[in-house]
Amino acid sequence: MIAVRAMIGVVFLMAFLSKSAGRGRFTAFVESLPAMGVVPPRLVGPAAGAVVAAEGAVCALLIVESDGATVAGLALAAGLLSAFTAAIARTIRRGTGATCRCFGASAAPLGGRHLLRNVVLTAVAAAAGLMAQADRAPATATGALVAAAAGLVAGALVTVLDDLAELFRPSRARQIRGSTRAHTIRRPSATSRISGTSGRNHASPDQRRGARGGTVFAGPDPHPGRDQAPSGTRRAAGGEGRRPATLGDRTRRTGG
């Protein structure tokens, strides 16, 4: 009972402060109600004021050390949570995209996790209200302290549900990068396809020696025409496959 009182009390205290701590916060809460479409426009202001007053009353009743106040506070909490659950369910069904203003400004639209959260809180508050009417053994000081601490932690986690969901949800940019990396196909470069290597210049020893000595070898030349005569010159000398005439050949042809 102590743990439930602490948890429900923290939840409603944070909800009350997020809507009433400043005119700006209350105005933002009032402006969020029309998007839900559950309150007529002329009743938006009074409905917002009633919700804030009821949340404050729940906190006050659960603080009082009285079985009657505890039962009243838990019953009021269960009634409010039931109304909130119905409003969230209708908003989700209509698909209005309204954001959750339960604990202040939030960019998260109302969804299934908000509906489940309110259903669980409603069940817990109703069950605790029934237990408060039964005879209970008095709690020890240590047990009361541990129960209160557990309830406070649980209530705090409930209030930051949207932040926790956003923290543990994978980023869309990270998913896109991972998908792109998984489907990327590495293609060999044009140099690799021609030479059969990874694109590096692996010349043979003969080719290196020929490059130093000026000898021209067959094969692809990155600078055509630097060490070889143009094809037109070879054809003029007697054809592409004929050796150029030397000084000895000319002497023999002239008879000297």
C-alpha atoms as a PDB file:
ATOM      1  CA  MET A   1       0.000   0.000   0.000  1.00  0.00           C
ATOM      2  CA  ILE A   2       2.833   2.418   0.795  1.00  0.00           C
ATOM      3  CA  ALA A   3       4.562   1.665  -2.507  1.00  0.00           C
ATOM      4  CA  VAL A   4       1.374   2.228  -4.514  1.00  0.00           C
ATOM      5  CA  ARG A   5       0.621   5.473  -2.712  1.00  0.00           C
ATOM      6  CA  ALA A   6       4.131   6.722  -3.450  1.00  0.00           C
ATOM      7  CA  MET A   7       3.997   5.714  -7.125  1.00  0.00           C
ATOM      8  CA  ILE A   8       0.527   7.141  -7.843  1.00  0.00           C
ATOM      9  CA  GLY A   9       1.364  10.241  -5.828  1.00  0.00           C
ATOM     10  CA  VAL A  10       4.537  10.944  -7.854  1.00  0.00           C
ATOM     11  CA  VAL A  11       2.740  10.377 -11.161  1.00  0.00           C
ATOM     12  CA  PHE A  12      -0.049  12.812 -10.340  1.00  0.00           C
ATOM     13  CA  LEU A  13       2.279  15.322  -8.713  1.00  0.00           C
ATOM     14  CA  MET A  14       4.409  15.535 -11.887  1.00  0.00           C
ATOM     15  CA  ALA A  15       1.276  15.764 -14.023  1.00  0.00           C
ATOM     16  CA  PHE A  16      -0.078  18.557 -11.822  1.00  0.00           C
ATOM     17  CA  LEU A  17       3.150  20.571 -11.829  1.00  0.00           C
ATOM     18  CA  SER A  18       3.712  20.175 -15.575  1.00  0.00           C
ATOM     19  CA  LYS A  19       0.325  21.796 -16.262  1.00  0.00           C
ATOM     20  CA  SER A  20       0.089  24.396 -13.491  1.00  0.00           C
ATOM     21  CA  ALA A  21       3.673  25.644 -12.954  1.00  0.00           C
ATOM     22  CA  GLY A  22       3.300  28.831 -14.968  1.00  0.00           C
ATOM     23  CA  ARG A  23       0.718  30.389 -17.253  1.00  0.00           C
ATOM     24  CA  GLY A  24       2.564  29.177 -20.328  1.00  0.00           C
ATOM     25  CA  ARG A  25       2.340  25.521 -19.363  1.00  0.00           C
ATOM     26  CA  PHE A  26      -1.351  25.692 -18.583  1.00  0.00           C
ATOM     27  CA  THR A  27      -1.998  27.519 -21.868  1.00  0.00           C
ATOM     28  CA  ALA A  28      -0.092  24.826 -23.770  1.00  0.00           C
ATOM     29  CA  PHE A  29      -2.213  22.136 -22.089  1.00  0.00           C
ATOM     30  CA  VAL A  30      -5.416  23.971 -22.973  1.00  0.00           C
ATOM     31  CA  GLU A  31      -4.320  24.336 -26.610  1.00  0.00           C
ATOM     32  CA  SER A  32      -3.548  20.614 -26.854  1.00  0.00           C
ATOM     33  CA  LEU A  33      -7.079  19.492 -25.949  1.00  0.00           C
ATOM     34  CA  PRO A  34      -8.820  20.492 -29.227  1.00  0.00           C
ATOM     35  CA  ALA A  35      -6.428  18.262 -31.204  1.00  0.00           C
ATOM     36  CA  MET A  36      -7.662  15.258 -29.223  1.00  0.00           C
ATOM     37  CA  GLY A  37     -11.259  15.991 -30.204  1.00  0.00           C
ATOM     38  CA  VAL A  38     -12.770  14.714 -26.960  1.00  0.00           C
ATOM     39  CA  VAL A  39     -13.971  18.035 -25.495  1.00  0.00           C
ATOM     40  CA  PRO A  40     -16.256  20.576 -27.223  1.00  0.00           C
ATOM     41  CA  PRO A  41     -14.386  23.810 -28.061  1.00  0.00           C
ATOM     42  CA  ARG A  42     -16.469  25.910 -25.639  1.00  0.00           C
ATOM     43  CA  LEU A  43     -15.599  23.546 -22.754  1.00  0.00           C
ATOM     44  CA  VAL A  44     -11.849  23.264 -23.359  1.00  0.00           C
ATOM     45  CA  GLY A  45     -10.894  25.844 -20.733  1.00  0.00           C
ATOM     46  CA  PRO A  46     -13.146  24.526 -17.927  1.00  0.00           C
ATOM     47  CA  ALA A  47     -12.179  20.928 -18.688  1.00  0.00           C
ATOM     48  CA  ALA A  48      -8.467  21.772 -18.465  1.00  0.00           C
ATOM     49  CA  GLY A  49      -9.006  23.532 -15.140  1.00  0.00           C
ATOM     50  CA  ALA A  50     -10.960  20.584 -13.768  1.00  0.00           C
ATOM     51  CA  VAL A  51      -8.259  18.119 -14.766  1.00  0.00           C
ATOM     52  CA  VAL A  52      -5.518  20.142 -13.080  1.00  0.00           C
ATOM     53  CA  ALA A  53      -7.608  20.570  -9.896  1.00  0.00           C
ATOM     54  CA  ALA A  54      -8.385  16.846  -9.750  1.00  0.00           C
ATOM     55  CA  GLU A  55      -4.715  15.902 -10.167  1.00  0.00           C
ATOM     56  CA  GLY A  56      -3.780  18.206  -7.297  1.00  0.00           C
ATOM     57  CA  ALA A  57      -6.512  16.684  -5.135  1.00  0.00           C
ATOM     58  CA  VAL A  58      -5.157  13.186  -5.716  1.00  0.00           C
ATOM     59  CA  CYS A  59      -1.721  14.275  -4.478  1.00  0.00           C
ATOM     60  CA  ALA A  60      -3.166  15.916  -1.376  1.00  0.00           C
ATOM     61  CA  LEU A  61      -5.358  12.928  -0.466  1.00  0.00           C
ATOM     62  CA  LEU A  62      -2.540  10.394  -0.817  1.00  0.00           C
ATOM     63  CA  ILE A  63      -0.245  12.389   1.462  1.00  0.00           C
ATOM     64  CA  VAL A  64      -2.698  12.358   4.379  1.00  0.00           C
ATOM     65  CA  GLU A  65      -2.171   9.435   6.779  1.00  0.00           C
ATOM     66  CA  SER A  66      -5.777   8.277   6.843  1.00  0.00           C
ATOM     67  CA  ASP A  67      -7.446   5.223   5.396  1.00  0.00           C
ATOM     68  CA  GLY A  68     -10.422   7.280   4.278  1.00  0.00           C
ATOM     69  CA  ALA A  69      -8.220   9.830   2.492  1.00  0.00           C
ATOM     70  CA  THR A  70      -6.149   7.069   0.912  1.00  0.00           C
ATOM     71  CA  VAL A  71      -9.238   5.279  -0.417  1.00  0.00           C
ATOM     72  CA  ALA A  72     -10.657   8.564  -1.751  1.00  0.00           C
ATOM     73  CA  GLY A  73      -7.367   9.508  -3.384  1.00  0.00           C
ATOM     74  CA  LEU A  74      -6.950   6.129  -5.065  1.00  0.00           C
ATOM     75  CA  ALA A  75     -10.582   6.118  -6.226  1.00  0.00           C
ATOM     76  CA  LEU A  76     -10.194   9.599  -7.717  1.00  0.00           C
ATOM     77  CA  ALA A  77      -6.945   8.533  -9.369  1.00  0.00           C
ATOM     78  CA  ALA A  78      -8.568   5.444 -10.878  1.00  0.00           C
ATOM     79  CA  GLY A  79     -11.482   7.533 -12.170  1.00  0.00           C
ATOM     80  CA  LEU A  80      -9.184  10.122 -13.781  1.00  0.00           C
ATOM     81  CA  LEU A  81      -6.977   7.446 -15.319  1.00  0.00           C
ATOM     82  CA  SER A  82     -10.028   5.713 -16.752  1.00  0.00           C
ATOM     83  CA  ALA A  83     -11.182   8.957 -18.361  1.00  0.00           C
ATOM     84  CA  PHE A  84      -7.680   9.580 -19.723  1.00  0.00           C
ATOM     85  CA  THR A  85      -7.553   6.038 -21.115  1.00  0.00           C
ATOM     86  CA  ALA A  86     -10.826   6.482 -22.971  1.00  0.00           C
ATOM     87  CA  ALA A  87      -9.707   9.845 -24.369  1.00  0.00           C
ATOM     88  CA  ILE A  88      -6.388   8.401 -25.575  1.00  0.00           C
ATOM     89  CA  ALA A  89      -8.114   5.404 -27.175  1.00  0.00           C
ATOM     90  CA  ARG A  90     -10.495   7.685 -29.063  1.00  0.00           C
ATOM     91  CA  THR A  91      -7.619   9.928 -30.187  1.00  0.00           C
ATOM     92  CA  ILE A  92      -5.633   6.965 -31.500  1.00  0.00           C
ATOM     93  CA  ARG A  93      -8.687   5.590 -33.318  1.00  0.00           C
ATOM     94  CA  ARG A  94      -9.324   8.941 -35.018  1.00  0.00           C
ATOM     95  CA  GLY A  95      -5.656   9.326 -35.972  1.00  0.00           C
ATOM     96  CA  THR A  96      -5.446  13.018 -35.152  1.00  0.00           C
ATOM     97  CA  GLY A  97      -1.740  12.815 -34.258  1.00  0.00           C
ATOM     98  CA  ALA A  98      -2.194  14.724 -30.996  1.00  0.00           C
ATOM     99  CA  THR A  99       0.880  14.782 -28.761  1.00  0.00           C
ATOM    100  CA  CYS A 100       1.016  13.624 -25.165  1.00  0.00           C
ATOM    101  CA  ARG A 101       0.748  16.516 -22.698  1.00  0.00           C
ATOM    102  CA  CYS A 102       0.427  14.255 -19.680  1.00  0.00           C
ATOM    103  CA  PHE A 103       3.683  15.425 -18.105  1.00  0.00           C
ATOM    104  CA  GLY A 104       4.391  18.645 -19.957  1.00  0.00           C
ATOM    105  CA  ALA A 105       5.455  19.298 -23.524  1.00  0.00           C
ATOM    106  CA  SER A 106       6.263  16.190 -25.531  1.00  0.00           C
ATOM    107  CA  ALA A 107       6.819  15.629 -29.249  1.00  0.00           C
ATOM    108  CA  ALA A 108       5.664  11.995 -29.029  1.00  0.00           C
ATOM    109  CA  PRO A 109       2.165  11.447 -30.461  1.00  0.00           C
ATOM    110  CA  LEU A 110      -0.334   9.501 -28.407  1.00  0.00           C
ATOM    111  CA  GLY A 111       0.077   5.799 -29.084  1.00  0.00           C
ATOM    112  CA  GLY A 112      -0.206   2.308 -27.741  1.00  0.00           C
ATOM    113  CA  ARG A 113       2.352   2.724 -24.962  1.00  0.00           C
ATOM    114  CA  HIS A 114       0.369   5.624 -23.445  1.00  0.00           C
ATOM    115  CA  LEU A 115      -2.781   3.540 -23.567  1.00  0.00           C
ATOM    116  CA  LEU A 116      -1.058   0.580 -21.904  1.00  0.00           C
ATOM    117  CA  ARG A 117       0.510   2.815 -19.261  1.00  0.00           C
ATOM    118  CA  ASN A 118      -2.851   4.247 -18.220  1.00  0.00           C
ATOM    119  CA  VAL A 119      -4.522   0.840 -18.181  1.00  0.00           C
ATOM    120  CA  VAL A 120      -1.827  -0.515 -15.838  1.00  0.00           C
ATOM    121  CA  LEU A 121      -1.995   2.541 -13.569  1.00  0.00           C
ATOM    122  CA  THR A 122      -5.792   2.309 -13.428  1.00  0.00           C
ATOM    123  CA  ALA A 123      -5.650  -1.349 -12.408  1.00  0.00           C
ATOM    124  CA  VAL A 124      -2.986  -0.670  -9.759  1.00  0.00           C
ATOM    125  CA  ALA A 125      -4.914   2.267  -8.257  1.00  0.00           C
ATOM    126  CA  ALA A 126      -8.201   0.322  -8.190  1.00  0.00           C
ATOM    127  CA  ALA A 127      -6.587  -2.745  -6.611  1.00  0.00           C
ATOM    128  CA  ALA A 128      -4.830  -0.619  -3.988  1.00  0.00           C
ATOM    129  CA  GLY A 129      -8.109   1.159  -3.198  1.00  0.00           C
ATOM    130  CA  LEU A 130      -9.776  -2.189  -2.492  1.00  0.00           C
ATOM    131  CA  MET A 131      -6.838  -3.322  -0.361  1.00  0.00           C
ATOM    132  CA  ALA A 132      -6.947  -0.113   1.666  1.00  0.00           C
ATOM    133  CA  GLN A 133     -10.371  -1.089   2.992  1.00  0.00           C
ATOM    134  CA  ALA A 134      -9.162  -4.430   4.340  1.00  0.00           C
ATOM    135  CA  ASP A 135      -7.380  -5.020   7.613  1.00  0.00           C
ATOM    136  CA  ARG A 136      -3.610  -4.800   7.234  1.00  0.00           C
ATOM    137  CA  ALA A 137      -0.708  -5.568   9.503  1.00  0.00           C
ATOM    138  CA  PRO A 138       1.277  -2.490  10.538  1.00  0.00           C
ATOM    139  CA  ALA A 139       4.446  -1.919   8.502  1.00  0.00           C
ATOM    140  CA  THR A 140       7.874  -1.765  10.095  1.00  0.00           C
ATOM    141  CA  ALA A 141      10.024   1.319   9.659  1.00  0.00           C
ATOM    142  CA  THR A 142      12.462  -0.486   7.362  1.00  0.00           C
ATOM    143  CA  GLY A 143       9.698  -2.016   5.257  1.00  0.00           C
ATOM    144  CA  ALA A 144       7.921   1.340   4.933  1.00  0.00           C
ATOM    145  CA  LEU A 145      11.151   3.046   3.835  1.00  0.00           C
ATOM    146  CA  VAL A 146      11.948   0.399   1.210  1.00  0.00           C
ATOM    147  CA  ALA A 147       8.362   0.422  -0.107  1.00  0.00           C
ATOM    148  CA  ALA A 148       8.292   4.223  -0.346  1.00  0.00           C
ATOM    149  CA  ALA A 149      11.622   4.292  -2.203  1.00  0.00           C
ATOM    150  CA  ALA A 150      10.439   1.632  -4.651  1.00  0.00           C
ATOM    151  CA  GLY A 151       7.212   3.513  -5.283  1.00  0.00           C
ATOM    152  CA  LEU A 152       9.025   6.796  -5.881  1.00  0.00           C
ATOM    153  CA  VAL A 153      11.388   5.178  -8.413  1.00  0.00           C
ATOM    154  CA  ALA A 154       8.515   3.450 -10.211  1.00  0.00           C
ATOM    155  CA  GLY A 155       6.545   6.682 -10.398  1.00  0.00           C
ATOM    156  CA  ALA A 156       9.539   8.589 -11.743  1.00  0.00           C
ATOM    157  CA  LEU A 157      10.055   5.966 -14.457  1.00  0.00           C
ATOM    158  CA  VAL A 158       6.413   6.266 -15.477  1.00  0.00           C
ATOM    159  CA  THR A 159       6.737  10.029 -15.920  1.00  0.00           C
ATOM    160  CA  VAL A 160       9.756   9.686 -18.241  1.00  0.00           C
ATOM    161  CA  LEU A 161       8.273   6.898 -20.350  1.00  0.00           C
ATOM    162  CA  ASP A 162       8.473   8.918 -23.583  1.00  0.00           C
ATOM    163  CA  ASP A 163      12.103   9.862 -22.947  1.00  0.00           C
ATOM    164  CA  LEU A 164      13.040   6.229 -22.284  1.00  0.00           C
ATOM    165  CA  ALA A 165      11.258   5.056 -25.434  1.00  0.00           C
ATOM    166  CA  GLU A 166      13.095   7.673 -27.502  1.00  0.00           C
ATOM    167  CA  LEU A 167      16.431   6.760 -25.918  1.00  0.00           C
ATOM    168  CA  PHE A 168      16.228   3.044 -26.669  1.00  0.00           C
ATOM    169  CA  ARG A 169      14.636   3.385 -30.098  1.00  0.00           C
ATOM    170  CA  PRO A 170      17.166   3.015 -32.964  1.00  0.00           C
ATOM    171  CA  SER A 171      17.845   6.186 -34.843  1.00  0.00           C
ATOM    172  CA  ARG A 172      16.452   6.317 -38.377  1.00  0.00           C
ATOM    173  CA  ALA A 173      19.697   7.779 -39.722  1.00  0.00           C
ATOM    174  CA  ARG A 174      21.643   4.911 -38.139  1.00  0.00           C
ATOM    175  CA  GLN A 175      19.260   2.352 -39.681  1.00  0.00           C
ATOM    176  CA  ILE A 176      19.674   3.930 -43.123  1.00  0.00           C
ATOM    177  CA  ARG A 177      23.466   3.896 -42.833  1.00  0.00           C
ATOM    178  CA  GLY A 178      23.482   0.259 -41.728  1.00  0.00           C
ATOM    179  CA  SER A 179      21.161  -0.783 -44.545  1.00  0.00           C
ATOM    180  CA  THR A 180      23.259   1.046 -47.128  1.00  0.00           C
ATOM    181  CA  ARG A 181      26.460  -0.521 -45.821  1.00  0.00           C
ATOM    182  CA  ALA A 182      24.953  -4.014 -45.925  1.00  0.00           C
ATOM    183  CA  HIS A 183      23.781  -3.685 -49.549  1.00  0.00           C
ATOM    184  CA  THR A 184      26.842  -1.943 -50.978  1.00  0.00           C
ATOM    185  CA  ILE A 185      28.670  -4.031 -53.621  1.00  0.00           C
ATOM    186  CA  ARG A 186      32.317  -3.284 -54.167  1.00  0.00           C
ATOM    187  CA  ARG A 187      33.131  -3.245 -57.874  1.00  0.00           C
ATOM    188  CA  PRO A 188      36.670  -3.604 -59.205  1.00  0.00           C
ATOM    189  CA  SER A 189      38.123  -0.581 -60.909  1.00  0.00           C
ATOM    190  CA  ALA A 190      38.812  -0.391 -64.613  1.00  0.00           C
ATOM    191  CA  THR A 191      42.569  -0.794 -63.999  1.00  0.00           C
ATOM    192  CA  SER A 192      41.946  -3.915 -61.922  1.00  0.00           C
ATOM    193  CA  ARG A 193      39.760  -5.472 -64.642  1.00  0.00           C
ATOM    194  CA  ILE A 194      42.400  -4.846 -67.309  1.00  0.00           C
ATOM    195  CA  SER A 195      45.529  -5.844 -65.424  1.00  0.00           C
ATOM    196  CA  GLY A 196      43.962  -8.423 -63.109  1.00  0.00           C
ATOM    197  CA  THR A 197      45.446  -6.709 -60.077  1.00  0.00           C
ATOM    198  CA  SER A 198      44.106  -4.298 -57.489  1.00  0.00           C
ATOM    199  CA  GLY A 199      45.001  -1.287 -59.601  1.00  0.00           C
ATOM    200  CA  ARG A 200      48.672  -1.034 -58.655  1.00  0.00           C
ATOM    201  CA  ASN A 201      51.430  -0.795 -61.268  1.00  0.00           C
ATOM    202  CA  HIS A 202      53.184  -4.177 -61.047  1.00  0.00           C
ATOM    203  CA  ALA A 203      55.694  -4.010 -63.926  1.00  0.00           C
ATOM    204  CA  SER A 204      57.895  -7.015 -64.667  1.00  0.00           C
ATOM    205  CA  PRO A 205      61.702  -6.800 -64.232  1.00  0.00           C
ATOM    206  CA  ASP A 206      62.174  -6.872 -68.037  1.00  0.00           C
ATOM    207  CA  GLN A 207      59.747  -4.030 -68.456  1.00  0.00           C
ATOM    208  CA  ARG A 208      61.549  -1.994 -65.821  1.00  0.00           C
ATOM    209  CA  ARG A 209      64.896  -2.680 -67.410  1.00  0.00           C
ATOM    210  CA  GLY A 210      63.496  -1.860 -70.810  1.00  0.00           C
ATOM    211  CA  ALA A 211      62.126   1.397 -69.532  1.00  0.00           C
ATOM    212  CA  ARG A 212      65.576   2.356 -68.221  1.00  0.00           C
ATOM    213  CA  GLY A 213      67.404   1.271 -71.392  1.00  0.00           C
ATOM    214  CA  GLY A 214      64.973   2.793 -73.843  1.00  0.00           C
ATOM    215  CA  THR A 215      63.771  -0.546 -75.262  1.00  0.00           C
ATOM    216  CA  VAL A 216      60.149  -0.649 -76.252  1.00  0.00           C
ATOM    217  CA  PHE A 217      58.147  -3.758 -75.383  1.00  0.00           C
ATOM    218  CA  ALA A 218      54.792  -4.821 -76.619  1.00  0.00           C
ATOM    219  CA  GLY A 219      51.881  -4.076 -74.398  1.00  0.00           C
ATOM    220  CA  PRO A 220      49.777  -1.139 -73.372  1.00  0.00           C
ATOM    221  CA  ASP A 221      51.744   2.070 -73.177  1.00  0.00           C
ATOM    222  CA  PRO A 222      50.382   4.912 -71.041  1.00  0.00           C
ATOM    223  CA  HIS A 223      52.141   7.431 -73.309  1.00  0.00           C
ATOM    224  CA  PRO A 224      51.835   6.212 -76.906  1.00  0.00           C
ATOM    225  CA  GLY A 225      54.245   7.748 -79.345  1.00  0.00           C
ATOM    226  CA  ARG A 226      56.904   8.753 -76.813  1.00  0.00           C
ATOM    227  CA  ASP A 227      59.357   5.916 -77.527  1.00  0.00           C
ATOM    228  CA  GLN A 228      57.768   4.484 -80.681  1.00  0.00           C
ATOM    229  CA  ALA A 229      57.528   5.978 -84.108  1.00  0.00           C
ATOM    230  CA  PRO A 230      54.063   6.874 -85.329  1.00  0.00           C
ATOM    231  CA  SER A 231      52.257   4.383 -87.473  1.00  0.00           C
ATOM    232  CA  GLY A 232      52.360   6.741 -90.435  1.00  0.00           C
ATOM    233  CA  THR A 233      56.203   6.822 -90.338  1.00  0.00           C
ATOM    234  CA  ARG A 234      56.395   3.036 -90.233  1.00  0.00           C
ATOM    235  CA  ARG A 235      54.068   2.735 -93.219  1.00  0.00           C
ATOM    236  CA  ALA A 236      56.121   5.292 -95.149  1.00  0.00           C
ATOM    237  CA  ALA A 237      59.276   3.256 -94.487  1.00  0.00           C
ATOM    238  CA  GLY A 238      57.844   0.265 -96.261  1.00  0.00           C
ATOM    239  CA  GLY A 239      54.945  -1.042 -94.332  1.00  0.00           C
ATOM    240  CA  GLU A 240      54.051  -1.579 -90.785  1.00  0.00           C
ATOM    241  CA  GLY A 241      55.806  -4.934 -90.581  1.00  0.00           C
ATOM    242  CA  ARG A 242      59.073  -3.971 -92.526  1.00  0.00           C
ATOM    243  CA  ARG A 243      62.326  -3.067 -90.776  1.00  0.00           C
ATOM    244  CA  PRO A 244      63.567   0.492 -91.499  1.00  0.00           C
ATOM    245  CA  ALA A 245      66.545   0.712 -93.935  1.00  0.00           C
ATOM    246  CA  THR A 246      70.006   1.201 -92.397  1.00  0.00           C
ATOM    247  CA  LEU A 247      73.208   2.839 -93.796  1.00  0.00           C
ATOM    248  CA  GLY A 248      74.648  -0.582 -94.810  1.00  0.00           C
ATOM    249  CA  ASP A 249      71.558  -1.449 -96.830  1.00  0.00           C
ATOM    250  CA  ARG A 250      71.739   1.806 -98.757  1.00  0.00           C
ATOM    251  CA  THR A 251      75.487   1.227 -99.498  1.00  0.00           C
ATOM    252  CA  ARG A 252      74.869  -2.277-100.853  1.00  0.00           C
ATOM    253  CA  ARG A 253      72.016  -1.068-103.073  1.00  0.00           C
ATOM    254  CA  THR A 254      74.236   1.655-104.633  1.00  0.00           C
ATOM    255  CA  GLY A 255      77.146  -0.677-105.172  1.00  0.00           C
ATOM    256  CA  GLY A 256      79.465   0.919-102.658  1.00  0.00           C
END
